[in-house]
């Protein structure tokens, strides 16, 4: 007897690209051993399970694990044995283990290196990585024109920019021709503790730019185990998030699931990107998405958590070199 088909995550259109991304995106930085060693079996298993359950969007960077993330993702995607058109790959340029370089020469070489590591002929999206660390005028006048040339060669299909401060997106988008930048990837600005990205969504929509939001758990703040020691948030913000996590746990709720569902609730965000390196993590993230789509989120607990976090709402931090 055939097993019933497992529910899959929904697909959402990405700006004007014509791409349809899974609402949960597979963040591949953990495949670069960024959070501890990951075996080949674990990596292949997690990517295979993600794909089986409808996740078609995979995001990496040459910076993650000093190029290891790209190599491992390339190996795992090849192991799927499915046509290239069935999955969407985004990588980045400009940020490397040895520092930042957004020059036209470096980003042009960078894509060839990334394609070799990923074992691909093209990537769907190439993003300038953490542009606040470079000169925004160089991004506008040199980096993006270089990426437009790469688009013409067919090595990349769409152009993106990423970073933490939201002002970088308007600065660049106001100064490039419409349709030049296809995608923005924002992180830590659409979660229970910080939803500042929401105010920018109408502007991005008016520019025809697709939106990807990463770090729904605020780089560990919205987890039971708490953030890593180096997390740049203030003591006040860490304390409030810890109190919210404890509040949830005492009531048999999981703050990470609540946070994931909060981020997934806004349909103007095409994909919520979350780092994964195990089948268990994949299953948990998909379960959160499927539950949201079928049952809805726990509004009562969410309102209570929002009340705990209200004094620190939208409190951010300066971009720190530790962040990816």
C-alpha atoms as a PDB file:
ATOM      1  CA  UNK A   1       0.000   0.000   0.000  1.00  0.00           C
ATOM      2  CA  UNK A   2       1.415   3.394  -0.990  1.00  0.00           C
ATOM      3  CA  UNK A   3       2.222   5.793   1.825  1.00  0.00           C
ATOM      4  CA  UNK A   4       0.166   9.014   1.851  1.00  0.00           C
ATOM      5  CA  UNK A   5       2.002  11.933   0.275  1.00  0.00           C
ATOM      6  CA  UNK A   6       3.550  14.222   2.856  1.00  0.00           C
ATOM      7  CA  UNK A   7       2.401  17.849   2.726  1.00  0.00           C
ATOM      8  CA  UNK A   8       4.876  20.171   1.033  1.00  0.00           C
ATOM      9  CA  UNK A   9       5.725  23.781   1.762  1.00  0.00           C
ATOM     10  CA  UNK A  10       4.065  26.446  -0.389  1.00  0.00           C
ATOM     11  CA  UNK A  11       5.790  28.263  -3.245  1.00  0.00           C
ATOM     12  CA  UNK A  12       5.824  32.072  -3.519  1.00  0.00           C
ATOM     13  CA  UNK A  13       6.755  34.327  -6.428  1.00  0.00           C
ATOM     14  CA  UNK A  14       9.989  36.287  -6.072  1.00  0.00           C
ATOM     15  CA  UNK A  15       9.440  39.864  -7.240  1.00  0.00           C
ATOM     16  CA  UNK A  16       9.498  40.104 -11.049  1.00  0.00           C
ATOM     17  CA  UNK A  17      11.935  37.216 -11.557  1.00  0.00           C
ATOM     18  CA  UNK A  18       9.358  34.591 -12.487  1.00  0.00           C
ATOM     19  CA  UNK A  19      10.986  32.302  -9.919  1.00  0.00           C
ATOM     20  CA  UNK A  20       8.772  30.537  -7.390  1.00  0.00           C
ATOM     21  CA  UNK A  21      10.631  29.947  -4.157  1.00  0.00           C
ATOM     22  CA  UNK A  22       9.648  27.622  -1.347  1.00  0.00           C
ATOM     23  CA  UNK A  23       8.433  29.754   1.575  1.00  0.00           C
ATOM     24  CA  UNK A  24      11.077  28.010   3.695  1.00  0.00           C
ATOM     25  CA  UNK A  25      14.554  28.421   2.221  1.00  0.00           C
ATOM     26  CA  UNK A  26      17.501  26.152   3.019  1.00  0.00           C
ATOM     27  CA  UNK A  27      20.334  28.229   4.465  1.00  0.00           C
ATOM     28  CA  UNK A  28      23.487  26.263   3.704  1.00  0.00           C
ATOM     29  CA  UNK A  29      25.962  28.104   5.932  1.00  0.00           C
ATOM     30  CA  UNK A  30      25.829  25.230   8.501  1.00  0.00           C
ATOM     31  CA  UNK A  31      27.003  22.844   5.749  1.00  0.00           C
ATOM     32  CA  UNK A  32      30.299  24.754   5.959  1.00  0.00           C
ATOM     33  CA  UNK A  33      30.731  23.473   9.539  1.00  0.00           C
ATOM     34  CA  UNK A  34      30.009  27.007  10.765  1.00  0.00           C
ATOM     35  CA  UNK A  35      28.132  25.607  13.798  1.00  0.00           C
ATOM     36  CA  UNK A  36      30.122  22.392  14.212  1.00  0.00           C
ATOM     37  CA  UNK A  37      31.098  19.452  12.003  1.00  0.00           C
ATOM     38  CA  UNK A  38      28.525  17.984   9.598  1.00  0.00           C
ATOM     39  CA  UNK A  39      29.123  14.591   7.987  1.00  0.00           C
ATOM     40  CA  UNK A  40      28.521  14.007   4.273  1.00  0.00           C
ATOM     41  CA  UNK A  41      25.657  11.659   5.160  1.00  0.00           C
ATOM     42  CA  UNK A  42      23.993  14.314   7.338  1.00  0.00           C
ATOM     43  CA  UNK A  43      24.439  16.972   4.669  1.00  0.00           C
ATOM     44  CA  UNK A  44      23.106  14.796   1.834  1.00  0.00           C
ATOM     45  CA  UNK A  45      20.259  13.528   4.031  1.00  0.00           C
ATOM     46  CA  UNK A  46      19.129  17.003   5.072  1.00  0.00           C
ATOM     47  CA  UNK A  47      19.183  18.406   1.515  1.00  0.00           C
ATOM     48  CA  UNK A  48      17.386  15.317   0.173  1.00  0.00           C
ATOM     49  CA  UNK A  49      14.660  15.542   2.841  1.00  0.00           C
ATOM     50  CA  UNK A  50      14.277  19.286   2.263  1.00  0.00           C
ATOM     51  CA  UNK A  51      13.832  18.756  -1.477  1.00  0.00           C
ATOM     52  CA  UNK A  52      11.426  15.847  -0.951  1.00  0.00           C
ATOM     53  CA  UNK A  53       9.229  18.093   1.183  1.00  0.00           C
ATOM     54  CA  UNK A  54       9.116  20.918  -1.352  1.00  0.00           C
ATOM     55  CA  UNK A  55      12.062  23.117  -0.383  1.00  0.00           C
ATOM     56  CA  UNK A  56      13.514  24.215  -3.724  1.00  0.00           C
ATOM     57  CA  UNK A  57      15.608  27.222  -2.634  1.00  0.00           C
ATOM     58  CA  UNK A  58      19.179  26.808  -1.396  1.00  0.00           C
ATOM     59  CA  UNK A  59      21.377  29.740  -0.343  1.00  0.00           C
ATOM     60  CA  UNK A  60      25.131  29.722   0.224  1.00  0.00           C
ATOM     61  CA  UNK A  61      28.246  31.919  -0.027  1.00  0.00           C
ATOM     62  CA  UNK A  62      31.981  31.461  -0.587  1.00  0.00           C
ATOM     63  CA  UNK A  63      32.376  33.103   2.847  1.00  0.00           C
ATOM     64  CA  UNK A  64      30.587  30.312   4.732  1.00  0.00           C
ATOM     65  CA  UNK A  65      33.136  27.900   6.106  1.00  0.00           C
ATOM     66  CA  UNK A  66      35.807  29.391   3.847  1.00  0.00           C
ATOM     67  CA  UNK A  67      34.174  27.946   0.647  1.00  0.00           C
ATOM     68  CA  UNK A  68      33.238  24.621   2.300  1.00  0.00           C
ATOM     69  CA  UNK A  69      29.491  25.390   2.290  1.00  0.00           C
ATOM     70  CA  UNK A  70      29.482  25.788  -1.504  1.00  0.00           C
ATOM     71  CA  UNK A  71      31.449  22.556  -2.010  1.00  0.00           C
ATOM     72  CA  UNK A  72      29.167  20.530   0.264  1.00  0.00           C
ATOM     73  CA  UNK A  73      25.982  22.033  -1.191  1.00  0.00           C
ATOM     74  CA  UNK A  74      27.246  21.248  -4.696  1.00  0.00           C
ATOM     75  CA  UNK A  75      27.868  17.640  -3.727  1.00  0.00           C
ATOM     76  CA  UNK A  76      24.458  17.260  -2.053  1.00  0.00           C
ATOM     77  CA  UNK A  77      22.509  18.806  -4.945  1.00  0.00           C
ATOM     78  CA  UNK A  78      24.303  16.523  -7.398  1.00  0.00           C
ATOM     79  CA  UNK A  79      23.339  13.561  -5.212  1.00  0.00           C
ATOM     80  CA  UNK A  80      19.646  14.456  -5.647  1.00  0.00           C
ATOM     81  CA  UNK A  81      19.908  13.352  -9.278  1.00  0.00           C
ATOM     82  CA  UNK A  82      17.114  15.674 -10.440  1.00  0.00           C
ATOM     83  CA  UNK A  83      17.012  18.145 -13.363  1.00  0.00           C
ATOM     84  CA  UNK A  84      18.765  21.466 -12.647  1.00  0.00           C
ATOM     85  CA  UNK A  85      15.523  23.365 -13.310  1.00  0.00           C
ATOM     86  CA  UNK A  86      13.900  21.814 -10.241  1.00  0.00           C
ATOM     87  CA  UNK A  87      15.918  23.769  -7.672  1.00  0.00           C
ATOM     88  CA  UNK A  88      16.992  27.380  -7.208  1.00  0.00           C
ATOM     89  CA  UNK A  89      20.490  28.229  -6.008  1.00  0.00           C
ATOM     90  CA  UNK A  90      21.696  31.551  -4.679  1.00  0.00           C
ATOM     91  CA  UNK A  91      25.284  32.324  -3.793  1.00  0.00           C
ATOM     92  CA  UNK A  92      27.135  35.530  -3.016  1.00  0.00           C
ATOM     93  CA  UNK A  93      30.197  37.568  -3.895  1.00  0.00           C
ATOM     94  CA  UNK A  94      32.314  40.276  -2.316  1.00  0.00           C
ATOM     95  CA  UNK A  95      32.795  38.681   1.108  1.00  0.00           C
ATOM     96  CA  UNK A  96      35.462  36.033   1.606  1.00  0.00           C
ATOM     97  CA  UNK A  97      37.353  34.368   4.447  1.00  0.00           C
ATOM     98  CA  UNK A  98      40.195  36.857   3.894  1.00  0.00           C
ATOM     99  CA  UNK A  99      37.960  39.967   3.809  1.00  0.00           C
ATOM    100  CA  UNK A 100      35.826  42.070   1.471  1.00  0.00           C
ATOM    101  CA  UNK A 101      36.446  42.796  -2.194  1.00  0.00           C
ATOM    102  CA  UNK A 102      33.606  44.170  -4.316  1.00  0.00           C
ATOM    103  CA  UNK A 103      35.807  45.063  -7.297  1.00  0.00           C
ATOM    104  CA  UNK A 104      34.545  44.087 -10.752  1.00  0.00           C
ATOM    105  CA  UNK A 105      37.599  41.884 -11.265  1.00  0.00           C
ATOM    106  CA  UNK A 106      37.114  39.943  -8.027  1.00  0.00           C
ATOM    107  CA  UNK A 107      33.382  39.346  -8.357  1.00  0.00           C
ATOM    108  CA  UNK A 108      33.818  38.243 -11.983  1.00  0.00           C
ATOM    109  CA  UNK A 109      36.410  35.633 -10.908  1.00  0.00           C
ATOM    110  CA  UNK A 110      34.309  34.775  -7.871  1.00  0.00           C
ATOM    111  CA  UNK A 111      31.372  33.396  -9.850  1.00  0.00           C
ATOM    112  CA  UNK A 112      33.620  31.024 -11.817  1.00  0.00           C
ATOM    113  CA  UNK A 113      35.098  29.732  -8.556  1.00  0.00           C
ATOM    114  CA  UNK A 114      31.623  29.334  -7.040  1.00  0.00           C
ATOM    115  CA  UNK A 115      30.253  27.490 -10.076  1.00  0.00           C
ATOM    116  CA  UNK A 116      33.167  25.061  -9.949  1.00  0.00           C
ATOM    117  CA  UNK A 117      32.601  24.379  -6.244  1.00  0.00           C
ATOM    118  CA  UNK A 118      28.835  24.051  -6.720  1.00  0.00           C
ATOM    119  CA  UNK A 119      29.318  21.838  -9.817  1.00  0.00           C
ATOM    120  CA  UNK A 120      26.811  24.015 -11.695  1.00  0.00           C
ATOM    121  CA  UNK A 121      26.735  25.858 -15.036  1.00  0.00           C
ATOM    122  CA  UNK A 122      24.837  28.817 -13.569  1.00  0.00           C
ATOM    123  CA  UNK A 123      23.347  30.141 -10.330  1.00  0.00           C
ATOM    124  CA  UNK A 124      19.862  31.554 -10.222  1.00  0.00           C
ATOM    125  CA  UNK A 125      20.811  34.488  -7.991  1.00  0.00           C
ATOM    126  CA  UNK A 126      24.189  36.107  -7.312  1.00  0.00           C
ATOM    127  CA  UNK A 127      24.113  38.485  -4.362  1.00  0.00           C
ATOM    128  CA  UNK A 128      26.600  41.128  -3.235  1.00  0.00           C
ATOM    129  CA  UNK A 129      27.295  39.943   0.311  1.00  0.00           C
ATOM    130  CA  UNK A 130      26.913  42.341   3.281  1.00  0.00           C
ATOM    131  CA  UNK A 131      27.344  45.490   1.236  1.00  0.00           C
ATOM    132  CA  UNK A 132      27.465  47.807   4.273  1.00  0.00           C
ATOM    133  CA  UNK A 133      31.081  46.714   4.719  1.00  0.00           C
ATOM    134  CA  UNK A 134      32.032  48.049   1.282  1.00  0.00           C
ATOM    135  CA  UNK A 135      31.521  51.379  -0.427  1.00  0.00           C
ATOM    136  CA  UNK A 136      27.884  51.590  -1.512  1.00  0.00           C
ATOM    137  CA  UNK A 137      28.915  53.848  -4.378  1.00  0.00           C
ATOM    138  CA  UNK A 138      31.340  51.165  -5.571  1.00  0.00           C
ATOM    139  CA  UNK A 139      28.496  48.611  -5.382  1.00  0.00           C
ATOM    140  CA  UNK A 140      26.361  50.917  -7.571  1.00  0.00           C
ATOM    141  CA  UNK A 141      29.015  52.035 -10.062  1.00  0.00           C
ATOM    142  CA  UNK A 142      31.283  48.977 -10.331  1.00  0.00           C
ATOM    143  CA  UNK A 143      29.960  45.779  -8.714  1.00  0.00           C
ATOM    144  CA  UNK A 144      26.400  45.774 -10.053  1.00  0.00           C
ATOM    145  CA  UNK A 145      27.498  46.661 -13.631  1.00  0.00           C
ATOM    146  CA  UNK A 146      29.928  43.697 -13.432  1.00  0.00           C
ATOM    147  CA  UNK A 147      27.052  41.460 -12.338  1.00  0.00           C
ATOM    148  CA  UNK A 148      24.920  42.722 -15.238  1.00  0.00           C
ATOM    149  CA  UNK A 149      27.668  41.515 -17.608  1.00  0.00           C
ATOM    150  CA  UNK A 150      27.641  38.128 -15.870  1.00  0.00           C
ATOM    151  CA  UNK A 151      23.885  38.011 -16.406  1.00  0.00           C
ATOM    152  CA  UNK A 152      24.477  38.455 -20.141  1.00  0.00           C
ATOM    153  CA  UNK A 153      26.888  35.488 -20.157  1.00  0.00           C
ATOM    154  CA  UNK A 154      24.236  33.234 -18.575  1.00  0.00           C
ATOM    155  CA  UNK A 155      26.367  32.429 -15.506  1.00  0.00           C
ATOM    156  CA  UNK A 156      23.800  34.139 -13.291  1.00  0.00           C
ATOM    157  CA  UNK A 157      20.094  34.751 -13.854  1.00  0.00           C
ATOM    158  CA  UNK A 158      19.328  37.444 -11.278  1.00  0.00           C
ATOM    159  CA  UNK A 159      21.152  40.032  -9.150  1.00  0.00           C
ATOM    160  CA  UNK A 160      20.732  40.550  -5.412  1.00  0.00           C
ATOM    161  CA  UNK A 161      22.127  42.574  -2.523  1.00  0.00           C
ATOM    162  CA  UNK A 162      22.339  41.563   1.139  1.00  0.00           C
ATOM    163  CA  UNK A 163      23.088  43.225   4.446  1.00  0.00           C
ATOM    164  CA  UNK A 164      21.878  44.149   7.927  1.00  0.00           C
ATOM    165  CA  UNK A 165      21.051  47.913   7.981  1.00  0.00           C
ATOM    166  CA  UNK A 166      17.845  48.473   6.008  1.00  0.00           C
ATOM    167  CA  UNK A 167      18.999  51.878   4.731  1.00  0.00           C
ATOM    168  CA  UNK A 168      21.526  50.240   2.398  1.00  0.00           C
ATOM    169  CA  UNK A 169      18.717  48.839   0.249  1.00  0.00           C
ATOM    170  CA  UNK A 170      17.012  52.179  -0.414  1.00  0.00           C
ATOM    171  CA  UNK A 171      20.381  53.879  -0.985  1.00  0.00           C
ATOM    172  CA  UNK A 172      21.288  51.427  -3.757  1.00  0.00           C
ATOM    173  CA  UNK A 173      17.824  50.951  -5.290  1.00  0.00           C
ATOM    174  CA  UNK A 174      17.293  54.717  -5.572  1.00  0.00           C
ATOM    175  CA  UNK A 175      20.517  55.015  -7.580  1.00  0.00           C
ATOM    176  CA  UNK A 176      20.354  52.140 -10.077  1.00  0.00           C
ATOM    177  CA  UNK A 177      18.030  51.838 -13.098  1.00  0.00           C
ATOM    178  CA  UNK A 178      14.718  50.060 -12.317  1.00  0.00           C
ATOM    179  CA  UNK A 179      14.976  46.315 -12.799  1.00  0.00           C
ATOM    180  CA  UNK A 180      18.758  46.239 -12.228  1.00  0.00           C
ATOM    181  CA  UNK A 181      18.545  44.644  -8.775  1.00  0.00           C
ATOM    182  CA  UNK A 182      16.089  41.756  -8.680  1.00  0.00           C
ATOM    183  CA  UNK A 183      16.301  40.616  -5.055  1.00  0.00           C
ATOM    184  CA  UNK A 184      17.190  41.821  -1.574  1.00  0.00           C
ATOM    185  CA  UNK A 185      18.131  39.494   1.252  1.00  0.00           C
ATOM    186  CA  UNK A 186      17.563  41.071   4.651  1.00  0.00           C
ATOM    187  CA  UNK A 187      18.318  39.347   7.941  1.00  0.00           C
ATOM    188  CA  UNK A 188      17.247  39.787  11.566  1.00  0.00           C
ATOM    189  CA  UNK A 189      14.614  42.378  10.602  1.00  0.00           C
ATOM    190  CA  UNK A 190      11.499  40.252  10.278  1.00  0.00           C
ATOM    191  CA  UNK A 191      10.949  38.345  13.481  1.00  0.00           C
ATOM    192  CA  UNK A 192       8.924  38.650  16.682  1.00  0.00           C
ATOM    193  CA  UNK A 193      11.538  40.938  18.256  1.00  0.00           C
ATOM    194  CA  UNK A 194      12.247  43.051  15.160  1.00  0.00           C
ATOM    195  CA  UNK A 195       9.874  43.533  12.230  1.00  0.00           C
ATOM    196  CA  UNK A 196      11.401  46.757  10.874  1.00  0.00           C
ATOM    197  CA  UNK A 197      11.549  45.230   7.373  1.00  0.00           C
ATOM    198  CA  UNK A 198       7.742  45.463   7.201  1.00  0.00           C
ATOM    199  CA  UNK A 199       7.895  49.234   6.688  1.00  0.00           C
ATOM    200  CA  UNK A 200      10.164  48.739   3.674  1.00  0.00           C
ATOM    201  CA  UNK A 201       8.026  46.120   1.904  1.00  0.00           C
ATOM    202  CA  UNK A 202       5.753  48.550  -0.028  1.00  0.00           C
ATOM    203  CA  UNK A 203       8.850  50.406  -1.312  1.00  0.00           C
ATOM    204  CA  UNK A 204      10.504  47.143  -2.424  1.00  0.00           C
ATOM    205  CA  UNK A 205       7.278  46.032  -4.103  1.00  0.00           C
ATOM    206  CA  UNK A 206       7.082  49.360  -5.972  1.00  0.00           C
ATOM    207  CA  UNK A 207      10.608  48.700  -7.283  1.00  0.00           C
ATOM    208  CA  UNK A 208       9.660  45.180  -8.413  1.00  0.00           C
ATOM    209  CA  UNK A 209      12.261  43.712  -6.058  1.00  0.00           C
ATOM    210  CA  UNK A 210      11.775  40.265  -4.491  1.00  0.00           C
ATOM    211  CA  UNK A 211      12.348  39.884  -0.754  1.00  0.00           C
ATOM    212  CA  UNK A 212      14.086  37.091   1.129  1.00  0.00           C
ATOM    213  CA  UNK A 213      14.257  37.303   4.919  1.00  0.00           C
ATOM    214  CA  UNK A 214      16.903  35.365   6.824  1.00  0.00           C
ATOM    215  CA  UNK A 215      17.519  34.608  10.504  1.00  0.00           C
ATOM    216  CA  UNK A 216      13.897  34.297  11.705  1.00  0.00           C
ATOM    217  CA  UNK A 217      15.368  33.202  15.049  1.00  0.00           C
ATOM    218  CA  UNK A 218      17.473  36.403  15.222  1.00  0.00           C
ATOM    219  CA  UNK A 219      20.769  34.478  15.132  1.00  0.00           C
ATOM    220  CA  UNK A 220      19.778  32.407  18.173  1.00  0.00           C
ATOM    221  CA  UNK A 221      17.974  35.010  20.306  1.00  0.00           C
ATOM    222  CA  UNK A 222      14.613  33.300  19.761  1.00  0.00           C
ATOM    223  CA  UNK A 223      15.689  29.809  20.824  1.00  0.00           C
ATOM    224  CA  UNK A 224      15.536  27.849  24.061  1.00  0.00           C
ATOM    225  CA  UNK A 225      19.315  27.451  24.103  1.00  0.00           C
ATOM    226  CA  UNK A 226      19.921  31.171  23.512  1.00  0.00           C
ATOM    227  CA  UNK A 227      22.358  33.012  21.237  1.00  0.00           C
ATOM    228  CA  UNK A 228      26.095  32.333  20.834  1.00  0.00           C
ATOM    229  CA  UNK A 229      28.421  34.245  23.159  1.00  0.00           C
ATOM    230  CA  UNK A 230      29.551  36.615  20.383  1.00  0.00           C
ATOM    231  CA  UNK A 231      26.001  37.742  19.564  1.00  0.00           C
ATOM    232  CA  UNK A 232      26.115  41.552  19.242  1.00  0.00           C
ATOM    233  CA  UNK A 233      22.679  42.265  20.790  1.00  0.00           C
ATOM    234  CA  UNK A 234      22.480  44.383  23.941  1.00  0.00           C
ATOM    235  CA  UNK A 235      22.200  42.742  27.366  1.00  0.00           C
ATOM    236  CA  UNK A 236      18.652  44.161  27.586  1.00  0.00           C
ATOM    237  CA  UNK A 237      17.576  42.532  24.314  1.00  0.00           C
ATOM    238  CA  UNK A 238      19.201  39.191  25.204  1.00  0.00           C
ATOM    239  CA  UNK A 239      17.492  39.238  28.607  1.00  0.00           C
ATOM    240  CA  UNK A 240      14.043  39.972  27.121  1.00  0.00           C
ATOM    241  CA  UNK A 241      14.397  37.197  24.533  1.00  0.00           C
ATOM    242  CA  UNK A 242      15.547  34.778  27.245  1.00  0.00           C
ATOM    243  CA  UNK A 243      12.463  35.671  29.323  1.00  0.00           C
ATOM    244  CA  UNK A 244      10.230  35.090  26.280  1.00  0.00           C
ATOM    245  CA  UNK A 245      11.826  31.690  25.605  1.00  0.00           C
ATOM    246  CA  UNK A 246      11.370  30.636  29.246  1.00  0.00           C
ATOM    247  CA  UNK A 247       7.751  31.840  29.186  1.00  0.00           C
ATOM    248  CA  UNK A 248       7.062  29.631  26.155  1.00  0.00           C
ATOM    249  CA  UNK A 249       8.858  26.595  27.577  1.00  0.00           C
ATOM    250  CA  UNK A 250       6.936  26.786  30.866  1.00  0.00           C
ATOM    251  CA  UNK A 251       3.711  26.574  28.864  1.00  0.00           C
ATOM    252  CA  UNK A 252       4.865  23.680  26.701  1.00  0.00           C
ATOM    253  CA  UNK A 253       5.424  25.928  23.678  1.00  0.00           C
ATOM    254  CA  UNK A 254       8.534  26.361  21.542  1.00  0.00           C
ATOM    255  CA  UNK A 255       9.657  29.904  20.859  1.00  0.00           C
ATOM    256  CA  UNK A 256      11.566  28.887  17.731  1.00  0.00           C
ATOM    257  CA  UNK A 257       8.453  27.406  16.102  1.00  0.00           C
ATOM    258  CA  UNK A 258       6.453  30.496  17.045  1.00  0.00           C
ATOM    259  CA  UNK A 259       9.194  32.740  15.601  1.00  0.00           C
ATOM    260  CA  UNK A 260       9.366  30.736  12.377  1.00  0.00           C
ATOM    261  CA  UNK A 261       5.593  30.934  11.931  1.00  0.00           C
ATOM    262  CA  UNK A 262       5.566  34.668  12.632  1.00  0.00           C
ATOM    263  CA  UNK A 263       8.143  35.214   9.873  1.00  0.00           C
ATOM    264  CA  UNK A 264       6.326  32.934   7.431  1.00  0.00           C
ATOM    265  CA  UNK A 265       2.989  34.737   7.936  1.00  0.00           C
ATOM    266  CA  UNK A 266       3.861  37.684   5.695  1.00  0.00           C
ATOM    267  CA  UNK A 267       3.231  36.615   2.089  1.00  0.00           C
ATOM    268  CA  UNK A 268       5.138  39.650   0.745  1.00  0.00           C
ATOM    269  CA  UNK A 269       8.285  37.863   1.885  1.00  0.00           C
ATOM    270  CA  UNK A 270       8.984  35.187  -0.708  1.00  0.00           C
ATOM    271  CA  UNK A 271      11.166  32.934   1.393  1.00  0.00           C
ATOM    272  CA  UNK A 272      12.248  32.734   5.016  1.00  0.00           C
ATOM    273  CA  UNK A 273      15.817  31.507   4.999  1.00  0.00           C
ATOM    274  CA  UNK A 274      16.923  29.374   7.907  1.00  0.00           C
ATOM    275  CA  UNK A 275      20.183  27.497   8.417  1.00  0.00           C
ATOM    276  CA  UNK A 276      19.832  23.705   8.475  1.00  0.00           C
ATOM    277  CA  UNK A 277      22.264  20.827   8.831  1.00  0.00           C
ATOM    278  CA  UNK A 278      20.179  17.852   9.948  1.00  0.00           C
ATOM    279  CA  UNK A 279      17.044  15.998   8.896  1.00  0.00           C
ATOM    280  CA  UNK A 280      15.539  16.858  12.309  1.00  0.00           C
ATOM    281  CA  UNK A 281      15.946  20.602  11.666  1.00  0.00           C
ATOM    282  CA  UNK A 282      14.456  20.231   8.190  1.00  0.00           C
ATOM    283  CA  UNK A 283      11.458  18.337   9.593  1.00  0.00           C
ATOM    284  CA  UNK A 284      10.886  20.934  12.341  1.00  0.00           C
ATOM    285  CA  UNK A 285      10.948  23.867   9.923  1.00  0.00           C
ATOM    286  CA  UNK A 286       8.641  22.160   7.436  1.00  0.00           C
ATOM    287  CA  UNK A 287       6.262  21.124  10.225  1.00  0.00           C
ATOM    288  CA  UNK A 288       6.075  24.748  11.382  1.00  0.00           C
ATOM    289  CA  UNK A 289       5.233  25.904   7.838  1.00  0.00           C
ATOM    290  CA  UNK A 290       2.655  23.166   7.218  1.00  0.00           C
ATOM    291  CA  UNK A 291       0.990  23.783  10.602  1.00  0.00           C
ATOM    292  CA  UNK A 292       0.795  27.508   9.843  1.00  0.00           C
ATOM    293  CA  UNK A 293      -0.816  26.829   6.446  1.00  0.00           C
ATOM    294  CA  UNK A 294      -3.343  24.306   7.782  1.00  0.00           C
ATOM    295  CA  UNK A 295      -4.067  25.221  11.410  1.00  0.00           C
ATOM    296  CA  UNK A 296      -2.654  28.719  11.823  1.00  0.00           C
ATOM    297  CA  UNK A 297      -0.314  30.056  14.487  1.00  0.00           C
ATOM    298  CA  UNK A 298      -0.825  30.224  18.251  1.00  0.00           C
ATOM    299  CA  UNK A 299      -2.129  33.800  18.416  1.00  0.00           C
ATOM    300  CA  UNK A 300      -2.535  33.803  22.211  1.00  0.00           C
ATOM    301  CA  UNK A 301       1.056  32.781  22.974  1.00  0.00           C
ATOM    302  CA  UNK A 302       2.337  35.060  20.217  1.00  0.00           C
ATOM    303  CA  UNK A 303       0.537  38.061  21.742  1.00  0.00           C
ATOM    304  CA  UNK A 304       1.998  37.224  25.159  1.00  0.00           C
ATOM    305  CA  UNK A 305       5.530  36.920  23.737  1.00  0.00           C
ATOM    306  CA  UNK A 306       5.114  40.181  21.814  1.00  0.00           C
ATOM    307  CA  UNK A 307       4.126  41.878  25.092  1.00  0.00           C
ATOM    308  CA  UNK A 308       7.313  40.582  26.780  1.00  0.00           C
ATOM    309  CA  UNK A 309       9.429  41.847  23.877  1.00  0.00           C
ATOM    310  CA  UNK A 310       7.614  45.182  23.429  1.00  0.00           C
ATOM    311  CA  UNK A 311      10.202  47.248  25.414  1.00  0.00           C
ATOM    312  CA  UNK A 312      12.970  46.066  23.043  1.00  0.00           C
ATOM    313  CA  UNK A 313      10.921  45.900  19.801  1.00  0.00           C
ATOM    314  CA  UNK A 314      13.000  46.695  16.695  1.00  0.00           C
ATOM    315  CA  UNK A 315      16.145  47.178  18.779  1.00  0.00           C
ATOM    316  CA  UNK A 316      18.995  46.261  16.436  1.00  0.00           C
ATOM    317  CA  UNK A 317      22.791  46.351  16.608  1.00  0.00           C
ATOM    318  CA  UNK A 318      25.632  47.664  14.457  1.00  0.00           C
ATOM    319  CA  UNK A 319      26.806  45.249  11.759  1.00  0.00           C
ATOM    320  CA  UNK A 320      29.507  43.134  13.327  1.00  0.00           C
ATOM    321  CA  UNK A 321      32.281  41.349  11.475  1.00  0.00           C
ATOM    322  CA  UNK A 322      31.236  38.034  13.027  1.00  0.00           C
ATOM    323  CA  UNK A 323      27.938  38.017  11.178  1.00  0.00           C
ATOM    324  CA  UNK A 324      27.312  36.292   7.892  1.00  0.00           C
END
